[in-house]
Amino acid sequence: MTTREAQSIALQRLNRYCAGKCGALALGHTQRIKKRWLVDVEAPRQRFTVIVENDGNAKITTWNKDK
């Protein structure tokens, strides 16, 4: 899996998760750790980290931004 494929899977997963309620999503840092990709994404009110496995499975972690 390439960086671009991991980012694409992460954004698709976040679009389903947010259902249009998170606002504009902006890609942040993407890094590979062993067999996983960590994709950081920012929205106006939250930060997300999406862990993308090589088989295409993804898990989302959400943080509220400090005001």
C-alpha atoms as a PDB file:
ATOM      1  CA  MET A   1       0.000   0.000   0.000  1.00  0.00           C
ATOM      2  CA  THR A   2       1.261   3.459  -0.866  1.00  0.00           C
ATOM      3  CA  THR A   3       0.925   6.707   1.069  1.00  0.00           C
ATOM      4  CA  ARG A   4      -1.714   7.965  -1.327  1.00  0.00           C
ATOM      5  CA  GLU A   5      -3.796   4.782  -0.964  1.00  0.00           C
ATOM      6  CA  ALA A   6      -3.628   5.010   2.839  1.00  0.00           C
ATOM      7  CA  GLN A   7      -4.707   8.667   2.752  1.00  0.00           C
ATOM      8  CA  SER A   8      -7.574   7.846   0.402  1.00  0.00           C
ATOM      9  CA  ILE A   9      -8.849   5.048   2.671  1.00  0.00           C
ATOM     10  CA  ALA A  10      -8.532   7.324   5.723  1.00  0.00           C
ATOM     11  CA  LEU A  11     -10.529  10.140   4.081  1.00  0.00           C
ATOM     12  CA  GLN A  12     -13.237   7.747   2.870  1.00  0.00           C
ATOM     13  CA  ARG A  13     -13.559   6.292   6.370  1.00  0.00           C
ATOM     14  CA  LEU A  14     -13.725   9.766   7.948  1.00  0.00           C
ATOM     15  CA  ASN A  15     -16.366  10.936   5.472  1.00  0.00           C
ATOM     16  CA  ARG A  16     -18.557   8.004   6.517  1.00  0.00           C
ATOM     17  CA  TYR A  17     -17.805   8.632  10.212  1.00  0.00           C
ATOM     18  CA  CYS A  18     -18.548  12.363  10.042  1.00  0.00           C
ATOM     19  CA  ALA A  19     -21.532  12.193   7.672  1.00  0.00           C
ATOM     20  CA  GLY A  20     -20.914  15.848   6.725  1.00  0.00           C
ATOM     21  CA  LYS A  21     -20.909  17.142  10.326  1.00  0.00           C
ATOM     22  CA  CYS A  22     -17.150  17.570  10.906  1.00  0.00           C
ATOM     23  CA  GLY A  23     -16.548  20.392   8.445  1.00  0.00           C
ATOM     24  CA  ALA A  24     -13.663  20.627   6.008  1.00  0.00           C
ATOM     25  CA  LEU A  25     -11.058  17.896   6.447  1.00  0.00           C
ATOM     26  CA  ALA A  26      -7.376  18.688   5.888  1.00  0.00           C
ATOM     27  CA  LEU A  27      -4.712  16.007   5.629  1.00  0.00           C
ATOM     28  CA  GLY A  28      -1.852  16.337   8.044  1.00  0.00           C
ATOM     29  CA  HIS A  29       1.145  14.098   8.571  1.00  0.00           C
ATOM     30  CA  THR A  30       1.174  10.520   7.229  1.00  0.00           C
ATOM     31  CA  GLN A  31       3.685   7.977   8.431  1.00  0.00           C
ATOM     32  CA  ARG A  32       4.257   4.264   8.166  1.00  0.00           C
ATOM     33  CA  ILE A  33       4.952   2.277  11.305  1.00  0.00           C
ATOM     34  CA  LYS A  34       5.703  -1.385  10.634  1.00  0.00           C
ATOM     35  CA  LYS A  35       2.682  -2.679   8.670  1.00  0.00           C
ATOM     36  CA  ARG A  36       0.339   0.236   9.467  1.00  0.00           C
ATOM     37  CA  TRP A  37      -0.160   3.773   8.237  1.00  0.00           C
ATOM     38  CA  LEU A  38      -1.000   6.620  10.617  1.00  0.00           C
ATOM     39  CA  VAL A  39      -2.864   9.402   8.856  1.00  0.00           C
ATOM     40  CA  ASP A  40      -3.478  12.659  10.762  1.00  0.00           C
ATOM     41  CA  VAL A  41      -6.450  14.747   9.646  1.00  0.00           C
ATOM     42  CA  GLU A  42      -7.710  18.055  11.021  1.00  0.00           C
ATOM     43  CA  ALA A  43     -11.230  19.442  11.040  1.00  0.00           C
ATOM     44  CA  PRO A  44     -12.315  22.823  12.459  1.00  0.00           C
ATOM     45  CA  ARG A  45     -13.207  21.403  15.899  1.00  0.00           C
ATOM     46  CA  GLN A  46     -11.417  18.051  16.070  1.00  0.00           C
ATOM     47  CA  ARG A  47      -8.245  16.194  15.188  1.00  0.00           C
ATOM     48  CA  PHE A  48      -8.344  12.644  13.920  1.00  0.00           C
ATOM     49  CA  THR A  49      -5.762   9.902  13.598  1.00  0.00           C
ATOM     50  CA  VAL A  50      -6.740   7.068  11.311  1.00  0.00           C
ATOM     51  CA  ILE A  51      -4.794   3.816  11.554  1.00  0.00           C
ATOM     52  CA  VAL A  52      -4.913   2.059   8.185  1.00  0.00           C
ATOM     53  CA  GLU A  53      -3.840  -1.584   7.990  1.00  0.00           C
ATOM     54  CA  ASN A  54      -2.346  -3.090   4.820  1.00  0.00           C
ATOM     55  CA  ASP A  55      -5.567  -5.066   4.268  1.00  0.00           C
ATOM     56  CA  GLY A  56      -7.603  -1.825   4.106  1.00  0.00           C
ATOM     57  CA  ASN A  57      -9.150  -1.917   7.585  1.00  0.00           C
ATOM     58  CA  ALA A  58      -9.144   1.414   9.393  1.00  0.00           C
ATOM     59  CA  LYS A  59      -9.654   2.647  12.959  1.00  0.00           C
ATOM     60  CA  ILE A  60     -10.373   6.277  13.880  1.00  0.00           C
ATOM     61  CA  THR A  61      -9.204   8.078  17.012  1.00  0.00           C
ATOM     62  CA  THR A  62     -10.680  11.533  17.756  1.00  0.00           C
ATOM     63  CA  TRP A  63      -9.422  14.454  19.867  1.00  0.00           C
ATOM     64  CA  ASN A  64     -11.134  17.766  20.553  1.00  0.00           C
ATOM     65  CA  LYS A  65      -9.013  20.798  19.763  1.00  0.00           C
ATOM     66  CA  ASP A  66      -8.099  22.978  22.727  1.00  0.00           C
ATOM     67  CA  LYS A  67      -9.670  26.408  22.529  1.00  0.00           C
END
